[in-house]
Amino acid sequence: MSRLDDIRQTWPEQTAVQHRGTGATGVITPCPLRDPIARDRRVRPTPHLLLNSSDPGVVWVRWDDQRPGCWMRPAQLRKIRARGRTQ
């Protein structure tokens, strides 16, 4: 399995997550189109996943506390139970 396939299967869209360092919660969602990276399909093969030579793979997280969304390394996140379903 490729690194891309592994990340895509392990961290799909709509996964509820918590930041390991801050405790902030959010959801993995598609990157907004206004993000410059959103238009580059070479490094962004799916709407929520970014892969390039300098990153081991990052996912777009929309935070629940209204902070701007951002790209996060999955190692900084943990899946949580939220919105009535287990992630």
N, C-alpha and C. Protein backbone atom coordinates (compact mmCIF):
# COMPACT_ATOMS: atom_id res chain seq x y z
N MET A 1 0.85 -1.17 0.00
CA MET A 1 0.00 0.00 0.00
C MET A 1 0.90 1.24 0.00
N SER A 2 0.57 2.20 -0.82
CA SER A 2 1.37 3.42 -0.89
C SER A 2 1.08 4.32 0.31
N ARG A 3 1.95 5.27 0.52
CA ARG A 3 1.78 6.23 1.62
C ARG A 3 0.47 7.00 1.45
N LEU A 4 0.17 7.38 0.22
CA LEU A 4 -1.08 8.10 -0.07
C LEU A 4 -2.30 7.25 0.29
N ASP A 5 -2.31 6.00 -0.16
CA ASP A 5 -3.43 5.11 0.14
C ASP A 5 -3.59 4.90 1.64
N ASP A 6 -2.46 4.74 2.33
CA ASP A 6 -2.49 4.52 3.78
C ASP A 6 -3.11 5.72 4.50
N ILE A 7 -2.67 6.93 4.16
CA ILE A 7 -3.20 8.13 4.80
C ILE A 7 -4.67 8.32 4.43
N ARG A 8 -5.01 8.10 3.18
CA ARG A 8 -6.40 8.28 2.72
C ARG A 8 -7.34 7.33 3.46
N GLN A 9 -6.92 6.09 3.68
CA GLN A 9 -7.77 5.12 4.37
C GLN A 9 -7.82 5.37 5.88
N THR A 10 -6.70 5.78 6.45
CA THR A 10 -6.62 5.99 7.89
C THR A 10 -7.27 7.29 8.33
N TRP A 11 -7.18 8.32 7.50
CA TRP A 11 -7.68 9.66 7.85
C TRP A 11 -8.64 10.16 6.77
N PRO A 12 -9.81 9.53 6.62
CA PRO A 12 -10.77 9.98 5.60
C PRO A 12 -11.45 11.29 5.99
N GLU A 13 -12.10 11.92 5.00
CA GLU A 13 -12.90 13.12 5.28
C GLU A 13 -13.96 12.79 6.33
N GLN A 14 -14.35 13.80 7.07
CA GLN A 14 -15.37 13.73 8.11
C GLN A 14 -14.92 12.96 9.35
N THR A 15 -13.63 12.70 9.49
CA THR A 15 -13.11 12.09 10.71
C THR A 15 -13.02 13.17 11.78
N ALA A 16 -13.62 12.93 12.94
CA ALA A 16 -13.51 13.86 14.06
C ALA A 16 -12.14 13.64 14.72
N VAL A 17 -11.45 14.75 15.00
CA VAL A 17 -10.09 14.65 15.53
C VAL A 17 -9.90 15.60 16.71
N GLN A 18 -8.85 15.31 17.50
CA GLN A 18 -8.42 16.19 18.58
C GLN A 18 -6.92 16.40 18.44
N HIS A 19 -6.48 17.65 18.60
CA HIS A 19 -5.05 17.96 18.53
C HIS A 19 -4.39 17.43 19.79
N ARG A 20 -3.34 16.65 19.63
CA ARG A 20 -2.67 16.04 20.79
C ARG A 20 -2.06 17.07 21.74
N GLY A 21 -1.60 18.19 21.22
CA GLY A 21 -0.94 19.18 22.05
C GLY A 21 -1.87 20.15 22.74
N THR A 22 -2.88 20.63 22.02
CA THR A 22 -3.74 21.68 22.56
C THR A 22 -5.09 21.18 23.05
N GLY A 23 -5.51 20.01 22.59
CA GLY A 23 -6.82 19.50 22.95
C GLY A 23 -7.95 20.03 22.08
N ALA A 24 -7.63 20.91 21.13
CA ALA A 24 -8.65 21.47 20.23
C ALA A 24 -9.26 20.35 19.40
N THR A 25 -10.56 20.47 19.12
CA THR A 25 -11.25 19.46 18.33
C THR A 25 -11.67 20.03 16.98
N GLY A 26 -11.81 19.14 16.02
CA GLY A 26 -12.21 19.55 14.68
C GLY A 26 -12.57 18.35 13.83
N VAL A 27 -12.73 18.61 12.55
CA VAL A 27 -13.12 17.58 11.59
C VAL A 27 -12.25 17.71 10.35
N ILE A 28 -11.83 16.58 9.80
CA ILE A 28 -11.09 16.59 8.54
C ILE A 28 -12.10 16.88 7.42
N THR A 29 -11.84 17.95 6.68
CA THR A 29 -12.75 18.39 5.61
C THR A 29 -11.93 18.73 4.37
N PRO A 30 -12.59 18.95 3.23
CA PRO A 30 -11.85 19.41 2.05
C PRO A 30 -11.24 20.79 2.30
N CYS A 31 -10.09 21.00 1.74
CA CYS A 31 -9.42 22.30 1.81
C CYS A 31 -10.25 23.33 1.06
N PRO A 32 -10.44 24.55 1.62
CA PRO A 32 -11.19 25.58 0.90
C PRO A 32 -10.50 25.96 -0.41
N LEU A 33 -11.28 26.29 -1.41
CA LEU A 33 -10.71 26.63 -2.72
C LEU A 33 -9.86 27.89 -2.68
N ARG A 34 -10.04 28.75 -1.68
CA ARG A 34 -9.23 29.97 -1.61
C ARG A 34 -7.79 29.68 -1.18
N ASP A 35 -7.53 28.50 -0.63
CA ASP A 35 -6.17 28.12 -0.26
C ASP A 35 -5.38 27.91 -1.55
N PRO A 36 -4.19 28.54 -1.68
CA PRO A 36 -3.42 28.41 -2.93
C PRO A 36 -3.09 26.96 -3.29
N ILE A 37 -2.90 26.13 -2.29
CA ILE A 37 -2.57 24.73 -2.55
C ILE A 37 -3.77 23.99 -3.14
N ALA A 38 -4.97 24.49 -2.87
CA ALA A 38 -6.18 23.79 -3.30
C ALA A 38 -6.26 23.60 -4.80
N ARG A 39 -5.56 24.41 -5.55
CA ARG A 39 -5.64 24.32 -7.02
C ARG A 39 -4.56 23.44 -7.64
N ASP A 40 -3.61 23.00 -6.85
CA ASP A 40 -2.48 22.23 -7.38
C ASP A 40 -2.72 20.74 -7.19
N ARG A 41 -3.21 20.07 -8.21
CA ARG A 41 -3.54 18.64 -8.13
C ARG A 41 -2.30 17.75 -8.08
N ARG A 42 -1.12 18.29 -8.38
CA ARG A 42 0.09 17.46 -8.32
C ARG A 42 0.43 17.09 -6.88
N VAL A 43 0.21 18.01 -5.94
CA VAL A 43 0.54 17.74 -4.54
C VAL A 43 -0.70 17.47 -3.69
N ARG A 44 -1.87 17.67 -4.27
CA ARG A 44 -3.12 17.52 -3.52
C ARG A 44 -4.06 16.60 -4.29
N PRO A 45 -3.86 15.29 -4.18
CA PRO A 45 -4.63 14.35 -4.99
C PRO A 45 -6.09 14.19 -4.56
N THR A 46 -6.44 14.54 -3.34
CA THR A 46 -7.82 14.51 -2.87
C THR A 46 -8.12 15.83 -2.18
N PRO A 47 -9.39 16.20 -2.00
CA PRO A 47 -9.72 17.50 -1.43
C PRO A 47 -9.21 17.73 -0.01
N HIS A 48 -8.94 16.67 0.76
CA HIS A 48 -8.55 16.86 2.15
C HIS A 48 -7.10 16.46 2.45
N LEU A 49 -6.36 16.02 1.45
CA LEU A 49 -5.04 15.44 1.67
C LEU A 49 -3.99 16.14 0.82
N LEU A 50 -2.84 16.41 1.42
CA LEU A 50 -1.72 17.04 0.71
C LEU A 50 -0.49 16.16 0.89
N LEU A 51 0.20 15.90 -0.19
CA LEU A 51 1.40 15.09 -0.15
C LEU A 51 2.45 15.75 -1.02
N ASN A 52 3.63 15.98 -0.47
CA ASN A 52 4.73 16.47 -1.30
C ASN A 52 6.04 15.97 -0.72
N SER A 53 7.14 16.33 -1.32
CA SER A 53 8.43 15.77 -0.91
C SER A 53 8.86 16.23 0.47
N SER A 54 8.38 17.38 0.93
CA SER A 54 8.82 17.89 2.23
C SER A 54 7.89 17.47 3.37
N ASP A 55 6.73 16.94 3.06
CA ASP A 55 5.78 16.54 4.09
C ASP A 55 5.48 15.06 4.00
N PRO A 56 5.34 14.39 5.15
CA PRO A 56 4.98 12.98 5.12
C PRO A 56 3.51 12.77 4.81
N GLY A 57 2.79 13.84 4.59
CA GLY A 57 1.36 13.78 4.32
C GLY A 57 0.62 14.55 5.40
N VAL A 58 -0.23 15.45 4.99
CA VAL A 58 -1.00 16.25 5.93
C VAL A 58 -2.46 16.27 5.50
N VAL A 59 -3.35 16.52 6.45
CA VAL A 59 -4.78 16.59 6.18
C VAL A 59 -5.31 17.96 6.59
N TRP A 60 -6.38 18.41 5.94
CA TRP A 60 -6.99 19.71 6.26
C TRP A 60 -7.97 19.52 7.41
N VAL A 61 -7.81 20.31 8.47
CA VAL A 61 -8.70 20.23 9.64
C VAL A 61 -9.45 21.55 9.79
N ARG A 62 -10.77 21.46 9.90
CA ARG A 62 -11.60 22.61 10.25
C ARG A 62 -11.89 22.51 11.74
N TRP A 63 -11.46 23.51 12.51
CA TRP A 63 -11.56 23.48 13.96
C TRP A 63 -12.96 23.86 14.43
N ASP A 64 -13.42 23.25 15.52
CA ASP A 64 -14.75 23.51 16.06
C ASP A 64 -14.86 24.87 16.73
N ASP A 65 -13.75 25.45 17.19
CA ASP A 65 -13.80 26.72 17.92
C ASP A 65 -13.69 27.94 17.00
N GLN A 66 -13.97 27.76 15.73
CA GLN A 66 -14.00 28.85 14.75
C GLN A 66 -12.64 29.41 14.37
N ARG A 67 -11.55 28.79 14.82
CA ARG A 67 -10.24 29.19 14.32
C ARG A 67 -10.16 28.78 12.86
N PRO A 68 -9.30 29.46 12.10
CA PRO A 68 -9.15 29.06 10.69
C PRO A 68 -8.66 27.62 10.57
N GLY A 69 -9.12 26.94 9.54
CA GLY A 69 -8.64 25.59 9.29
C GLY A 69 -7.18 25.62 8.88
N CYS A 70 -6.53 24.46 8.95
CA CYS A 70 -5.11 24.41 8.58
C CYS A 70 -4.72 22.98 8.22
N TRP A 71 -3.56 22.86 7.58
CA TRP A 71 -2.99 21.55 7.27
C TRP A 71 -2.32 21.02 8.53
N MET A 72 -2.58 19.77 8.89
CA MET A 72 -2.00 19.15 10.08
C MET A 72 -1.41 17.80 9.73
N ARG A 73 -0.29 17.47 10.36
CA ARG A 73 0.27 16.12 10.24
C ARG A 73 -0.57 15.18 11.09
N PRO A 74 -0.93 14.03 10.57
CA PRO A 74 -1.74 13.09 11.34
C PRO A 74 -1.12 12.70 12.69
N ALA A 75 0.20 12.71 12.80
CA ALA A 75 0.84 12.37 14.07
C ALA A 75 0.46 13.34 15.19
N GLN A 76 0.01 14.55 14.83
CA GLN A 76 -0.39 15.54 15.82
C GLN A 76 -1.86 15.41 16.20
N LEU A 77 -2.56 14.46 15.59
CA LEU A 77 -4.00 14.30 15.80
C LEU A 77 -4.32 12.93 16.36
N ARG A 78 -5.46 12.86 17.02
CA ARG A 78 -6.01 11.55 17.38
C ARG A 78 -7.48 11.56 17.04
N LYS A 79 -7.98 10.41 16.62
CA LYS A 79 -9.39 10.28 16.28
C LYS A 79 -10.20 10.30 17.57
N ILE A 80 -11.38 10.93 17.52
CA ILE A 80 -12.25 10.98 18.69
C ILE A 80 -13.66 10.58 18.30
N ARG A 81 -14.44 10.28 19.32
CA ARG A 81 -15.85 9.98 19.10
C ARG A 81 -16.59 11.31 19.12
N ALA A 82 -17.33 11.57 18.08
CA ALA A 82 -18.05 12.84 17.99
C ALA A 82 -19.25 12.71 17.07
N ARG A 83 -20.19 13.58 17.25
CA ARG A 83 -21.35 13.66 16.37
C ARG A 83 -22.11 12.34 16.27
N GLY A 84 -22.16 11.59 17.38
CA GLY A 84 -22.97 10.38 17.42
C GLY A 84 -22.39 9.17 16.74
N ARG A 85 -21.12 9.21 16.36
CA ARG A 85 -20.52 8.03 15.72
C ARG A 85 -19.08 7.88 16.19
N THR A 86 -18.58 6.69 16.08
CA THR A 86 -17.20 6.41 16.48
C THR A 86 -16.29 6.57 15.28
N GLN A 87 -15.20 7.25 15.47
CA GLN A 87 -14.26 7.47 14.38
C GLN A 87 -13.09 6.53 14.52
